[in-house]
C-alpha atoms as a PDB file:
ATOM      1  CA  MET A   1    -114.791  47.426 -24.614  1.00  0.00           C
ATOM      2  CA  LYS A   2    -115.482  50.685 -26.568  1.00  0.00           C
ATOM      3  CA  LYS A   3    -117.904  48.752 -28.827  1.00  0.00           C
ATOM      4  CA  ALA A   4    -119.906  47.317 -25.847  1.00  0.00           C
ATOM      5  CA  PRO A   5    -123.166  48.950 -24.828  1.00  0.00           C
ATOM      6  CA  PHE A   6    -121.767  50.618 -21.675  1.00  0.00           C
ATOM      7  CA  GLU A   7    -119.815  53.792 -20.850  1.00  0.00           C
ATOM      8  CA  MET A   8    -116.060  53.524 -20.720  1.00  0.00           C
ATOM      9  CA  THR A   9    -115.637  54.682 -17.138  1.00  0.00           C
ATOM     10  CA  GLU A  10    -112.206  55.363 -15.415  1.00  0.00           C
ATOM     11  CA  VAL A  11    -112.450  51.812 -13.945  1.00  0.00           C
ATOM     12  CA  ALA A  12    -112.810  50.379 -17.398  1.00  0.00           C
ATOM     13  CA  TYR A  13    -109.870  52.380 -18.814  1.00  0.00           C
ATOM     14  CA  GLY A  14    -107.874  51.343 -15.763  1.00  0.00           C
ATOM     15  CA  ALA A  15    -108.836  47.574 -16.179  1.00  0.00           C
ATOM     16  CA  ALA A  16    -107.682  47.838 -19.812  1.00  0.00           C
ATOM     17  CA  LEU A  17    -104.356  49.390 -18.929  1.00  0.00           C
ATOM     18  CA  VAL A  18    -103.792  46.812 -16.314  1.00  0.00           C
ATOM     19  CA  LEU A  19    -104.518  44.129 -19.005  1.00  0.00           C
ATOM     20  CA  TYR A  20    -102.071  45.645 -21.397  1.00  0.00           C
ATOM     21  CA  THR A  21     -99.165  46.370 -19.037  1.00  0.00           C
ATOM     22  CA  GLU A  22     -99.477  42.889 -17.335  1.00  0.00           C
ATOM     23  CA  GLY A  23     -99.541  41.274 -20.830  1.00  0.00           C
ATOM     24  CA  ASN A  24     -96.541  43.161 -21.783  1.00  0.00           C
ATOM     25  CA  TRP A  25     -98.442  44.710 -24.741  1.00  0.00           C
ATOM     26  CA  TYR A  26     -96.656  47.997 -24.429  1.00  0.00           C
ATOM     27  CA  GLN A  27     -97.684  49.569 -27.688  1.00  0.00           C
ATOM     28  CA  GLN A  28    -101.395  49.224 -26.794  1.00  0.00           C
ATOM     29  CA  ALA A  29    -100.575  50.365 -23.221  1.00  0.00           C
ATOM     30  CA  ALA A  30     -98.882  53.472 -24.758  1.00  0.00           C
ATOM     31  CA  ALA A  31    -101.783  54.396 -26.853  1.00  0.00           C
ATOM     32  CA  LEU A  32    -104.327  53.912 -24.101  1.00  0.00           C
ATOM     33  CA  LEU A  33    -102.238  55.871 -21.594  1.00  0.00           C
ATOM     34  CA  GLN A  34    -102.185  58.721 -24.093  1.00  0.00           C
ATOM     35  CA  GLU A  35    -105.875  58.579 -24.431  1.00  0.00           C
ATOM     36  CA  ILE A  36    -106.435  58.552 -20.724  1.00  0.00           C
ATOM     37  CA  GLU A  37    -104.310  61.614 -20.163  1.00  0.00           C
ATOM     38  CA  ASN A  38    -105.840  63.372 -23.181  1.00  0.00           C
ATOM     39  CA  LYS A  39    -109.290  62.779 -21.909  1.00  0.00           C
ATOM     40  CA  ASP A  40    -108.329  63.781 -18.470  1.00  0.00           C
ATOM     41  CA  ILE A  41    -109.549  60.413 -17.031  1.00  0.00           C
ATOM     42  CA  PRO A  42    -108.414  59.688 -13.515  1.00  0.00           C
ATOM     43  CA  LEU A  43    -105.927  56.862 -13.262  1.00  0.00           C
ATOM     44  CA  VAL A  44    -107.176  54.274 -10.800  1.00  0.00           C
ATOM     45  CA  ALA A  45    -104.887  52.666  -8.164  1.00  0.00           C
ATOM     46  CA  SER A  46    -104.760  49.378  -9.979  1.00  0.00           C
ATOM     47  CA  ALA A  47    -103.586  50.963 -13.168  1.00  0.00           C
ATOM     48  CA  ARG A  48    -101.008  53.059 -11.355  1.00  0.00           C
ATOM     49  CA  GLY A  49     -99.683  49.910  -9.691  1.00  0.00           C
ATOM     50  CA  SER A  50     -99.452  47.919 -12.822  1.00  0.00           C
ATOM     51  CA  LEU A  51     -97.726  50.854 -14.600  1.00  0.00           C
ATOM     52  CA  ILE A  52     -95.159  50.981 -11.834  1.00  0.00           C
ATOM     53  CA  GLU A  53     -94.830  47.085 -11.868  1.00  0.00           C
ATOM     54  CA  SER A  54     -94.037  47.251 -15.726  1.00  0.00           C
ATOM     55  CA  PHE A  55     -90.892  49.372 -14.900  1.00  0.00           C
ATOM     56  CA  SER A  56     -89.530  46.272 -13.129  1.00  0.00           C
ATOM     57  CA  ILE A  57     -89.094  44.836 -16.666  1.00  0.00           C
ATOM     58  CA  LEU A  58     -88.542  48.016 -18.726  1.00  0.00           C
ATOM     59  CA  GLU A  59     -84.757  48.707 -18.814  1.00  0.00           C
ATOM     60  CA  ASN A  60     -84.714  51.885 -20.984  1.00  0.00           C
ATOM     61  CA  ASN A  61     -86.818  54.420 -22.819  1.00  0.00           C
ATOM     62  CA  SER A  62     -86.825  52.662 -26.183  1.00  0.00           C
ATOM     63  CA  THR A  63     -90.214  51.092 -25.884  1.00  0.00           C
ATOM     64  CA  SER A  64     -93.261  52.961 -26.866  1.00  0.00           C
ATOM     65  CA  LEU A  65     -94.745  52.880 -23.296  1.00  0.00           C
ATOM     66  CA  ALA A  66     -91.581  54.305 -21.905  1.00  0.00           C
ATOM     67  CA  LYS A  67     -91.628  57.083 -24.327  1.00  0.00           C
ATOM     68  CA  VAL A  68     -95.225  57.996 -23.568  1.00  0.00           C
ATOM     69  CA  VAL A  69     -94.436  57.828 -19.891  1.00  0.00           C
ATOM     70  CA  GLU A  70     -91.408  60.193 -20.300  1.00  0.00           C
ATOM     71  CA  LYS A  71     -93.591  62.838 -22.018  1.00  0.00           C
ATOM     72  CA  SER A  72     -96.563  62.536 -19.853  1.00  0.00           C
ATOM     73  CA  ASN A  73     -97.638  65.006 -16.979  1.00  0.00           C
ATOM     74  CA  LEU A  74     -99.318  62.374 -15.041  1.00  0.00           C
ATOM     75  CA  GLU A  75     -98.020  62.217 -11.403  1.00  0.00           C
ATOM     76  CA  VAL A  76     -97.157  58.555 -11.645  1.00  0.00           C
ATOM     77  CA  CYS A  77     -95.485  59.086 -15.064  1.00  0.00           C
ATOM     78  CA  LYS A  78     -93.332  61.957 -13.812  1.00  0.00           C
ATOM     79  CA  PHE A  79     -92.345  59.687 -10.709  1.00  0.00           C
ATOM     80  CA  LEU A  80     -91.408  56.884 -13.082  1.00  0.00           C
ATOM     81  CA  THR A  81     -89.371  59.142 -15.316  1.00  0.00           C
ATOM     82  CA  SER A  82     -87.490  60.732 -12.396  1.00  0.00           C
ATOM     83  CA  ILE A  83     -86.357  57.369 -10.807  1.00  0.00           C
ATOM     84  CA  PHE A  84     -86.003  55.106 -13.828  1.00  0.00           C
ATOM     85  CA  LEU A  85     -85.894  56.895 -17.244  1.00  0.00           C
ATOM     86  CA  SER A  86     -83.635  59.718 -16.047  1.00  0.00           C
ATOM     87  CA  LYS A  87     -81.147  57.105 -14.873  1.00  0.00           C
ATOM     88  CA  CYS A  88     -81.122  58.497 -11.285  1.00  0.00           C
ATOM     89  CA  GLU A  89     -77.843  57.124  -9.717  1.00  0.00           C
ATOM     90  CA  ASN A  90     -78.089  59.146  -6.446  1.00  0.00           C
ATOM     91  CA  HIS A  91     -79.545  56.860  -3.952  1.00  0.00           C
ATOM     92  CA  GLN A  92     -80.503  59.415  -1.385  1.00  0.00           C
ATOM     93  CA  MET A  93     -82.318  61.403  -4.138  1.00  0.00           C
ATOM     94  CA  MET A  94     -84.131  58.301  -5.322  1.00  0.00           C
ATOM     95  CA  THR A  95     -85.257  57.440  -1.734  1.00  0.00           C
ATOM     96  CA  SER A  96     -86.511  60.939  -1.390  1.00  0.00           C
ATOM     97  CA  GLU A  97     -88.519  60.774  -4.715  1.00  0.00           C
ATOM     98  CA  VAL A  98     -90.119  57.469  -3.766  1.00  0.00           C
ATOM     99  CA  ILE A  99     -91.043  58.574  -0.323  1.00  0.00           C
ATOM    100  CA  SER A 100     -92.453  61.834  -1.633  1.00  0.00           C
ATOM    101  CA  PHE A 101     -94.473  60.102  -4.314  1.00  0.00           C
ATOM    102  CA  LEU A 102     -96.006  57.561  -1.852  1.00  0.00           C
ATOM    103  CA  GLU A 103     -96.849  60.262   0.788  1.00  0.00           C
ATOM    104  CA  LYS A 104     -98.964  62.048  -1.922  1.00  0.00           C
ATOM    105  CA  TRP A 105    -101.326  59.234  -2.173  1.00  0.00           C
ATOM    106  CA  LYS A 106    -101.706  58.278   1.512  1.00  0.00           C
ATOM    107  CA  ASP A 107    -104.509  60.835   2.018  1.00  0.00           C
ATOM    108  CA  VAL A 108    -106.002  60.770  -1.485  1.00  0.00           C
ATOM    109  CA  ASP A 109    -106.622  57.083  -2.011  1.00  0.00           C
ATOM    110  CA  THR A 110    -108.741  54.794   0.003  1.00  0.00           C
ATOM    111  CA  LEU A 111    -106.681  52.494   2.100  1.00  0.00           C
ATOM    112  CA  GLU A 112    -107.139  49.558  -0.251  1.00  0.00           C
ATOM    113  CA  ASP A 113    -105.902  51.695  -3.173  1.00  0.00           C
ATOM    114  CA  THR A 114    -102.793  52.894  -1.165  1.00  0.00           C
ATOM    115  CA  VAL A 115    -101.928  49.309  -0.414  1.00  0.00           C
ATOM    116  CA  ILE A 116    -102.023  48.454  -4.038  1.00  0.00           C
ATOM    117  CA  VAL A 117     -99.678  51.453  -4.919  1.00  0.00           C
ATOM    118  CA  TYR A 118     -97.182  50.494  -2.019  1.00  0.00           C
ATOM    119  CA  ASN A 119     -97.123  46.987  -2.923  1.00  0.00           C
ATOM    120  CA  ALA A 120     -96.404  47.678  -6.622  1.00  0.00           C
ATOM    121  CA  CYS A 121     -93.571  50.124  -5.640  1.00  0.00           C
ATOM    122  CA  MET A 122     -91.991  47.443  -3.249  1.00  0.00           C
ATOM    123  CA  ASN A 123     -92.213  44.830  -5.733  1.00  0.00           C
ATOM    124  CA  CYS A 124     -90.754  46.823  -8.565  1.00  0.00           C
ATOM    125  CA  LEU A 125     -87.897  48.244  -6.542  1.00  0.00           C
ATOM    126  CA  TRP A 126     -86.998  44.751  -5.054  1.00  0.00           C
ATOM    127  CA  LYS A 127     -86.860  43.324  -8.523  1.00  0.00           C
ATOM    128  CA  LYS A 128     -84.402  46.266  -9.473  1.00  0.00           C
ATOM    129  CA  GLY A 129     -82.383  45.495  -6.474  1.00  0.00           C
ATOM    130  CA  TYR A 130     -83.265  48.428  -4.160  1.00  0.00           C
ATOM    131  CA  LYS A 131     -83.670  46.090  -1.048  1.00  0.00           C
ATOM    132  CA  GLY A 132     -82.921  48.759   1.577  1.00  0.00           C
ATOM    133  CA  LEU A 133     -85.245  51.165  -0.022  1.00  0.00           C
ATOM    134  CA  VAL A 134     -88.097  48.380  -0.015  1.00  0.00           C
ATOM    135  CA  ARG A 135     -87.364  47.873   3.734  1.00  0.00           C
ATOM    136  CA  LYS A 136     -87.863  51.572   4.249  1.00  0.00           C
ATOM    137  CA  ILE A 137     -91.227  51.596   2.510  1.00  0.00           C
ATOM    138  CA  LEU A 138     -92.380  48.633   4.489  1.00  0.00           C
ATOM    139  CA  GLY A 139     -91.714  50.459   7.601  1.00  0.00           C
ATOM    140  CA  MET A 140     -93.791  53.382   6.162  1.00  0.00           C
ATOM    141  CA  ALA A 141     -96.584  51.083   5.169  1.00  0.00           C
ATOM    142  CA  ARG A 142     -96.802  49.528   8.710  1.00  0.00           C
ATOM    143  CA  GLU A 143     -97.659  52.807  10.123  1.00  0.00           C
ATOM    144  CA  ILE A 144    -100.645  53.262   8.010  1.00  0.00           C
ATOM    145  CA  TYR A 145    -102.012  49.704   7.349  1.00  0.00           C
ATOM    146  CA  ALA A 146    -102.573  47.196  10.129  1.00  0.00           C
ATOM    147  CA  GLY A 147    -102.358  44.362   7.565  1.00  0.00           C
ATOM    148  CA  TYR A 148     -98.651  44.793   7.211  1.00  0.00           C
ATOM    149  CA  THR A 149     -98.221  42.902  10.566  1.00  0.00           C
ATOM    150  CA  GLN A 150     -95.178  42.640  12.616  1.00  0.00           C
ATOM    151  CA  PRO A 151     -93.882  39.177  13.571  1.00  0.00           C
ATOM    152  CA  GLN A 152     -95.579  37.584  16.599  1.00  0.00           C
ATOM    153  CA  PHE A 153     -93.879  35.485  19.345  1.00  0.00           C
ATOM    154  CA  ASN A 154     -95.195  33.035  21.997  1.00  0.00           C
ATOM    155  CA  GLU A 155     -94.037  30.013  23.692  1.00  0.00           C
ATOM    156  CA  THR A 156     -95.262  27.600  20.900  1.00  0.00           C
ATOM    157  CA  GLU A 157     -95.151  29.712  17.747  1.00  0.00           C
ATOM    158  CA  TRP A 158     -93.299  32.421  16.072  1.00  0.00           C
ATOM    159  CA  ILE A 159     -95.559  33.729  13.284  1.00  0.00           C
ATOM    160  CA  ILE A 160     -94.875  36.182  10.452  1.00  0.00           C
ATOM    161  CA  ASP A 161     -97.940  36.901   8.232  1.00  0.00           C
ATOM    162  CA  VAL A 162     -97.150  38.187   4.644  1.00  0.00           C
ATOM    163  CA  THR A 163    -100.631  37.670   3.489  1.00  0.00           C
ATOM    164  CA  ASN A 164    -101.229  41.414   2.288  1.00  0.00           C
ATOM    165  CA  LEU A 165     -97.774  41.842   0.694  1.00  0.00           C
ATOM    166  CA  SER A 166     -96.460  41.681  -2.765  1.00  0.00           C
ATOM    167  CA  VAL A 167     -93.617  39.262  -3.469  1.00  0.00           C
ATOM    168  CA  GLY A 168     -90.896  41.953  -3.208  1.00  0.00           C
ATOM    169  CA  ALA A 169     -92.401  43.268  -0.035  1.00  0.00           C
ATOM    170  CA  ALA A 170     -92.864  39.798   1.407  1.00  0.00           C
ATOM    171  CA  LYS A 171     -89.217  38.893   0.828  1.00  0.00           C
ATOM    172  CA  ALA A 172     -88.340  42.178   2.441  1.00  0.00           C
ATOM    173  CA  ALA A 173     -90.466  41.442   5.429  1.00  0.00           C
ATOM    174  CA  LEU A 174     -89.172  37.834   5.691  1.00  0.00           C
ATOM    175  CA  PHE A 175     -85.411  38.724   5.518  1.00  0.00           C
ATOM    176  CA  GLU A 176     -85.880  41.477   7.937  1.00  0.00           C
ATOM    177  CA  TRP A 177     -87.369  39.213  10.457  1.00  0.00           C
ATOM    178  CA  LEU A 178     -84.841  36.310   9.767  1.00  0.00           C
ATOM    179  CA  ASN A 179     -81.916  38.914  10.177  1.00  0.00           C
ATOM    180  CA  ALA A 180     -83.481  40.107  13.466  1.00  0.00           C
ATOM    181  CA  VAL A 181     -83.645  36.412  14.733  1.00  0.00           C
ATOM    182  CA  GLY A 182     -80.015  36.102  13.782  1.00  0.00           C
ATOM    183  CA  GLU A 183     -79.020  39.249  15.714  1.00  0.00           C
ATOM    184  CA  SER A 184     -80.868  37.901  18.778  1.00  0.00           C
ATOM    185  CA  ILE A 185     -78.919  34.634  18.382  1.00  0.00           C
ATOM    186  CA  GLU A 186     -75.671  36.578  18.514  1.00  0.00           C
ATOM    187  CA  ARG A 187     -76.612  38.541  21.597  1.00  0.00           C
ATOM    188  CA  ASN A 188     -77.782  35.250  23.475  1.00  0.00           C
ATOM    189  CA  GLU A 189     -81.231  36.776  23.733  1.00  0.00           C
ATOM    190  CA  LEU A 190     -83.264  34.212  22.004  1.00  0.00           C
ATOM    191  CA  GLU A 191     -85.134  31.564  24.085  1.00  0.00           C
ATOM    192  CA  VAL A 192     -86.399  28.523  22.195  1.00  0.00           C
ATOM    193  CA  HIS A 193     -88.955  26.183  23.669  1.00  0.00           C
ATOM    194  CA  ASP A 194     -89.225  22.557  23.048  1.00  0.00           C
ATOM    195  CA  GLY A 195     -91.687  21.815  20.237  1.00  0.00           C
ATOM    196  CA  SER A 196     -92.213  25.412  19.237  1.00  0.00           C
ATOM    197  CA  LYS A 197     -92.660  26.185  15.462  1.00  0.00           C
ATOM    198  CA  VAL A 198     -91.929  28.969  13.080  1.00  0.00           C
ATOM    199  CA  ILE A 199     -94.780  29.670  10.679  1.00  0.00           C
ATOM    200  CA  ILE A 200     -94.911  31.902   7.523  1.00  0.00           C
ATOM    201  CA  ILE A 201     -98.580  32.671   6.692  1.00  0.00           C
ATOM    202  CA  THR A 202     -98.780  33.341   2.881  1.00  0.00           C
ATOM    203  CA  GLY A 203    -102.587  33.575   2.833  1.00  0.00           C
ATOM    204  CA  ASP A 204    -105.007  32.675   0.037  1.00  0.00           C
ATOM    205  CA  GLU A 205    -102.717  33.152  -2.950  1.00  0.00           C
ATOM    206  CA  PHE A 206    -105.710  33.416  -5.371  1.00  0.00           C
ATOM    207  CA  THR A 207    -107.510  36.129  -3.710  1.00  0.00           C
ATOM    208  CA  LEU A 208    -104.938  38.771  -2.872  1.00  0.00           C
ATOM    209  CA  HIS A 209    -105.509  42.203  -4.552  1.00  0.00           C
ATOM    210  CA  ILE A 210    -101.958  42.775  -5.667  1.00  0.00           C
ATOM    211  CA  ALA A 211    -100.892  43.236  -9.228  1.00  0.00           C
ATOM    212  CA  ARG A 212     -99.018  40.952 -11.521  1.00  0.00           C
ATOM    213  CA  ASP A 213     -97.438  37.915  -9.764  1.00  0.00           C
ATOM    214  CA  ASN A 214     -99.257  37.864  -6.427  1.00  0.00           C
ATOM    215  CA  LYS A 215    -100.809  34.297  -7.003  1.00  0.00           C
ATOM    216  CA  PHE A 216     -97.358  32.910  -6.941  1.00  0.00           C
ATOM    217  CA  LEU A 217     -96.376  34.213  -3.435  1.00  0.00           C
ATOM    218  CA  LYS A 218     -96.342  30.965  -1.648  1.00  0.00           C
ATOM    219  CA  GLN A 219     -94.449  29.360  -4.493  1.00  0.00           C
ATOM    220  CA  VAL A 220     -91.959  32.135  -4.745  1.00  0.00           C
ATOM    221  CA  LEU A 221     -91.214  32.275  -1.082  1.00  0.00           C
ATOM    222  CA  SER A 222     -91.034  28.470  -0.796  1.00  0.00           C
ATOM    223  CA  LYS A 223     -88.460  28.345  -3.616  1.00  0.00           C
ATOM    224  CA  THR A 224     -86.508  31.239  -2.208  1.00  0.00           C
ATOM    225  CA  LEU A 225     -86.195  29.566   1.254  1.00  0.00           C
ATOM    226  CA  GLU A 226     -85.290  26.233  -0.325  1.00  0.00           C
ATOM    227  CA  GLU A 227     -82.384  27.813  -2.381  1.00  0.00           C
ATOM    228  CA  LEU A 228     -81.234  29.249   0.926  1.00  0.00           C
ATOM    229  CA  GLY A 229     -81.233  25.765   2.519  1.00  0.00           C
ATOM    230  CA  SER A 230     -83.803  26.672   5.040  1.00  0.00           C
ATOM    231  CA  PRO A 231     -85.882  23.901   6.937  1.00  0.00           C
ATOM    232  CA  PHE A 232     -89.197  25.580   5.993  1.00  0.00           C
ATOM    233  CA  VAL A 233     -91.576  23.156   4.353  1.00  0.00           C
ATOM    234  CA  ASN A 234     -95.260  22.869   3.211  1.00  0.00           C
ATOM    235  CA  SER A 235     -97.246  21.166   5.963  1.00  0.00           C
ATOM    236  CA  GLU A 236    -100.435  19.255   5.257  1.00  0.00           C
ATOM    237  CA  GLU A 237    -101.145  19.496   9.002  1.00  0.00           C
ATOM    238  CA  GLU A 238    -100.899  23.247   9.043  1.00  0.00           C
ATOM    239  CA  GLY A 239    -102.814  23.825   5.917  1.00  0.00           C
ATOM    240  CA  PRO A 240    -102.065  25.000   2.394  1.00  0.00           C
ATOM    241  CA  LYS A 241    -101.521  28.757   3.297  1.00  0.00           C
ATOM    242  CA  LYS A 242     -98.515  28.322   5.509  1.00  0.00           C
ATOM    243  CA  LEU A 243     -94.810  27.272   5.586  1.00  0.00           C
ATOM    244  CA  VAL A 244     -93.682  25.723   8.743  1.00  0.00           C
ATOM    245  CA  ALA A 245     -90.412  24.733  10.520  1.00  0.00           C
ATOM    246  CA  LYS A 246     -89.320  23.737  13.871  1.00  0.00           C
ATOM    247  CA  ALA A 247     -87.859  26.795  15.920  1.00  0.00           C
ATOM    248  CA  GLU A 248     -84.774  24.962  16.896  1.00  0.00           C
ATOM    249  CA  ASP A 249     -84.077  24.051  13.141  1.00  0.00           C
ATOM    250  CA  VAL A 250     -84.522  27.718  12.050  1.00  0.00           C
ATOM    251  CA  VAL A 251     -82.089  28.717  14.844  1.00  0.00           C
ATOM    252  CA  SER A 252     -79.640  26.044  13.714  1.00  0.00           C
ATOM    253  CA  TRP A 253     -79.866  27.332  10.053  1.00  0.00           C
ATOM    254  CA  ILE A 254     -79.432  30.870  10.770  1.00  0.00           C
ATOM    255  CA  SER A 255     -76.632  30.226  13.299  1.00  0.00           C
ATOM    256  CA  GLN A 256     -74.557  28.709  10.424  1.00  0.00           C
ATOM    257  CA  GLY A 257     -74.270  32.186   8.918  1.00  0.00           C
ATOM    258  CA  ALA A 258     -74.110  30.732   5.285  1.00  0.00           C
ATOM    259  CA  THR A 259     -77.202  32.795   4.050  1.00  0.00           C
ATOM    260  CA  LYS A 260     -76.375  36.052   5.930  1.00  0.00           C
ATOM    261  CA  GLU A 261     -74.940  37.777   2.807  1.00  0.00           C
ATOM    262  CA  ALA A 262     -78.044  36.580   0.702  1.00  0.00           C
ATOM    263  CA  MET A 263     -80.389  38.089   3.129  1.00  0.00           C
ATOM    264  CA  ARG A 264     -78.844  41.445   3.367  1.00  0.00           C
ATOM    265  CA  LEU A 265     -81.202  44.445   2.954  1.00  0.00           C
ATOM    266  CA  ASP A 266     -78.865  47.350   2.455  1.00  0.00           C
END
């Protein structure tokens, strides 16, 4: 890229960093991150998101990238150091750090860039096992972005749309919703109409603007639901962007309680 006849802009630097981190080329990513900081080049949202995502894989500070991140004064690097490299074990402190970091970018980035960073955080933290924290971030995200929709109900369809979410965020949204259905069943508050369907909209999995494994969103959710013994299936009638089940089958499945522990979000 540097040899090409165009200027290395912040977008070009960001694209290169995304390439290195998503390819797990940590030595190259480390060198580029140092150059970005030394030249005082703004770190674009996609690069920030991809750097955050990489820490769902990095377990310690022995890699070249982790070492550079630990020494860096960039905001995202200080954040990653505080919650991962410093081995923060205080859940309340970690929650405070994550929320504080996300709040800083809410009024700085464009909405699209904010979504990228929120999604990256939720995906990384989900993979690390911080499911309750992901649920909390999802609640924050719904307040600033209409694309993080709440489930919708009518007599014929119950719909949850996870189109704009990363895999970790989508799982949190789905489990939160299914748990709420289970609680409604326990309180005898749920009314099921004959022939009504439950529809999970995963969207066009090849055009989502989410770093790393976004294109596998439908496959991942489908596999997760299959492992939980759910009645959701791909439906040719409904189209390739949806997973569908009969509402009565979903109620029966949740009522059995076998998956309650697996879908906990605390």
